[in-house]
Amino acid sequence: MRPNQISIWFKPDFLGYRGKLQDCYGQSLATFKWSRRVASAYYNINYGAVQFLEGSYPLFQVGVSNRSLSNAGGNSYRATHVYRYC
């Protein structure tokens, strides 16, 4: 995984297509064609966190204290937005 980015995957266990996020604050995943497609995520930045949301409803988060989520379980394929705390 490359430094200074948040990696997201289409399948659990970091498999399938991989996307990357870097920007701070709120973003629609639809902009990158990733809306309702995230199943796993890895945070490779030394500060902050990113929260995955369905609309404004929080689903899961990765960040400095919990860098990886290999399987979002029941929240897989639900995220429509992200919010990165920088």
C-alpha atoms as a PDB file:
ATOM      1  CA  MET A   1       0.000   0.000   0.000  1.00  0.00           C
ATOM      2  CA  ARG A   2       1.259   3.415  -0.909  1.00  0.00           C
ATOM      3  CA  PRO A   3       1.952   5.995   1.807  1.00  0.00           C
ATOM      4  CA  ASN A   4      -0.260   9.034   2.340  1.00  0.00           C
ATOM      5  CA  GLN A   5      -3.486   7.618   0.996  1.00  0.00           C
ATOM      6  CA  ILE A   6      -6.587   5.718   1.963  1.00  0.00           C
ATOM      7  CA  SER A   7      -7.093   2.579  -0.093  1.00  0.00           C
ATOM      8  CA  ILE A   8     -10.531   1.073  -0.643  1.00  0.00           C
ATOM      9  CA  TRP A   9     -11.432  -2.261  -2.227  1.00  0.00           C
ATOM     10  CA  PHE A  10     -14.448  -3.615  -4.039  1.00  0.00           C
ATOM     11  CA  LYS A  11     -14.274  -6.966  -2.211  1.00  0.00           C
ATOM     12  CA  PRO A  12     -13.606  -8.027   1.399  1.00  0.00           C
ATOM     13  CA  ASP A  13     -10.073  -8.953   2.467  1.00  0.00           C
ATOM     14  CA  PHE A  14      -8.509  -6.258   0.263  1.00  0.00           C
ATOM     15  CA  LEU A  15      -9.374  -8.066  -2.976  1.00  0.00           C
ATOM     16  CA  GLY A  16     -10.715  -6.892  -6.309  1.00  0.00           C
ATOM     17  CA  TYR A  17     -10.449  -3.393  -7.706  1.00  0.00           C
ATOM     18  CA  ARG A  18      -8.689  -0.800  -5.549  1.00  0.00           C
ATOM     19  CA  GLY A  19      -9.525   2.870  -5.276  1.00  0.00           C
ATOM     20  CA  LYS A  20      -7.633   5.663  -3.525  1.00  0.00           C
ATOM     21  CA  LEU A  21      -8.718   8.676  -1.494  1.00  0.00           C
ATOM     22  CA  GLN A  22      -6.571  11.552  -0.278  1.00  0.00           C
ATOM     23  CA  ASP A  23      -8.661  14.708   0.074  1.00  0.00           C
ATOM     24  CA  CYS A  24      -9.801  16.122   3.396  1.00  0.00           C
ATOM     25  CA  TYR A  25     -13.396  16.693   4.487  1.00  0.00           C
ATOM     26  CA  GLY A  26     -16.508  15.353   2.769  1.00  0.00           C
ATOM     27  CA  GLN A  27     -16.654  13.640  -0.605  1.00  0.00           C
ATOM     28  CA  SER A  28     -19.277  11.752  -2.540  1.00  0.00           C
ATOM     29  CA  LEU A  29     -18.028   8.330  -3.574  1.00  0.00           C
ATOM     30  CA  ALA A  30     -20.210   8.623  -6.694  1.00  0.00           C
ATOM     31  CA  THR A  31     -17.690  11.154  -8.043  1.00  0.00           C
ATOM     32  CA  PHE A  32     -15.203   8.279  -8.346  1.00  0.00           C
ATOM     33  CA  LYS A  33     -17.787   5.614  -9.259  1.00  0.00           C
ATOM     34  CA  TRP A  34     -17.316   3.988  -5.834  1.00  0.00           C
ATOM     35  CA  SER A  35     -20.762   4.643  -4.345  1.00  0.00           C
ATOM     36  CA  ARG A  36     -22.075   1.449  -2.698  1.00  0.00           C
ATOM     37  CA  ARG A  37     -18.952  -0.474  -3.762  1.00  0.00           C
ATOM     38  CA  VAL A  38     -16.617  -0.383  -0.717  1.00  0.00           C
ATOM     39  CA  ALA A  39     -16.111  -3.643   1.199  1.00  0.00           C
ATOM     40  CA  SER A  40     -12.664  -3.128   2.794  1.00  0.00           C
ATOM     41  CA  ALA A  41     -10.364  -0.194   3.540  1.00  0.00           C
ATOM     42  CA  TYR A  42      -6.840   0.626   4.718  1.00  0.00           C
ATOM     43  CA  TYR A  43      -5.654   3.958   6.189  1.00  0.00           C
ATOM     44  CA  ASN A  44      -2.002   4.670   5.370  1.00  0.00           C
ATOM     45  CA  ILE A  45      -1.615   8.225   6.676  1.00  0.00           C
ATOM     46  CA  ASN A  46       0.089   9.233   9.941  1.00  0.00           C
ATOM     47  CA  TYR A  47      -2.769  11.378  11.277  1.00  0.00           C
ATOM     48  CA  GLY A  48      -6.550  11.620  11.186  1.00  0.00           C
ATOM     49  CA  ALA A  49      -9.256   9.194  10.132  1.00  0.00           C
ATOM     50  CA  VAL A  50     -11.877   8.666   7.448  1.00  0.00           C
ATOM     51  CA  GLN A  51     -15.494   7.836   8.139  1.00  0.00           C
ATOM     52  CA  PHE A  52     -17.636   6.000   5.589  1.00  0.00           C
ATOM     53  CA  LEU A  53     -21.251   7.131   5.453  1.00  0.00           C
ATOM     54  CA  GLU A  54     -24.537   6.167   3.857  1.00  0.00           C
ATOM     55  CA  GLY A  55     -25.871   9.650   3.202  1.00  0.00           C
ATOM     56  CA  SER A  56     -25.210  11.209   6.608  1.00  0.00           C
ATOM     57  CA  TYR A  57     -25.456   7.930   8.572  1.00  0.00           C
ATOM     58  CA  PRO A  58     -22.050   6.658   9.826  1.00  0.00           C
ATOM     59  CA  LEU A  59     -21.215   3.072   8.843  1.00  0.00           C
ATOM     60  CA  PHE A  60     -17.551   2.473   9.720  1.00  0.00           C
ATOM     61  CA  GLN A  61     -14.258   4.282  10.159  1.00  0.00           C
ATOM     62  CA  VAL A  62     -10.543   3.649   9.624  1.00  0.00           C
ATOM     63  CA  GLY A  63      -7.737   5.839  10.895  1.00  0.00           C
ATOM     64  CA  VAL A  64      -4.538   6.014  12.891  1.00  0.00           C
ATOM     65  CA  SER A  65      -5.903   3.916  15.771  1.00  0.00           C
ATOM     66  CA  ASN A  66      -7.544   1.284  13.524  1.00  0.00           C
ATOM     67  CA  ARG A  67      -5.783   1.303  10.167  1.00  0.00           C
ATOM     68  CA  SER A  68      -7.473  -1.599   8.439  1.00  0.00           C
ATOM     69  CA  LEU A  69     -10.919  -3.040   7.970  1.00  0.00           C
ATOM     70  CA  SER A  70     -10.716  -6.230   5.945  1.00  0.00           C
ATOM     71  CA  ASN A  71     -14.468  -6.798   5.839  1.00  0.00           C
ATOM     72  CA  ALA A  72     -17.154  -4.192   6.499  1.00  0.00           C
ATOM     73  CA  GLY A  73     -19.657  -7.028   6.998  1.00  0.00           C
ATOM     74  CA  GLY A  74     -23.259  -5.834   6.907  1.00  0.00           C
ATOM     75  CA  ASN A  75     -22.040  -2.349   6.015  1.00  0.00           C
ATOM     76  CA  SER A  76     -20.285  -3.522   2.842  1.00  0.00           C
ATOM     77  CA  TYR A  77     -21.592  -1.928  -0.349  1.00  0.00           C
ATOM     78  CA  ARG A  78     -23.557   0.731   1.553  1.00  0.00           C
ATOM     79  CA  ALA A  79     -21.189   3.728   1.726  1.00  0.00           C
ATOM     80  CA  THR A  80     -22.155   6.645  -0.496  1.00  0.00           C
ATOM     81  CA  HIS A  81     -19.923   9.314   1.071  1.00  0.00           C
ATOM     82  CA  VAL A  82     -16.720   9.660   3.067  1.00  0.00           C
ATOM     83  CA  TYR A  83     -15.531  12.290   5.496  1.00  0.00           C
ATOM     84  CA  ARG A  84     -11.811  12.566   6.160  1.00  0.00           C
ATOM     85  CA  TYR A  85     -10.749  14.211   9.400  1.00  0.00           C
ATOM     86  CA  CYS A  86      -7.377  15.859   8.729  1.00  0.00           C
END
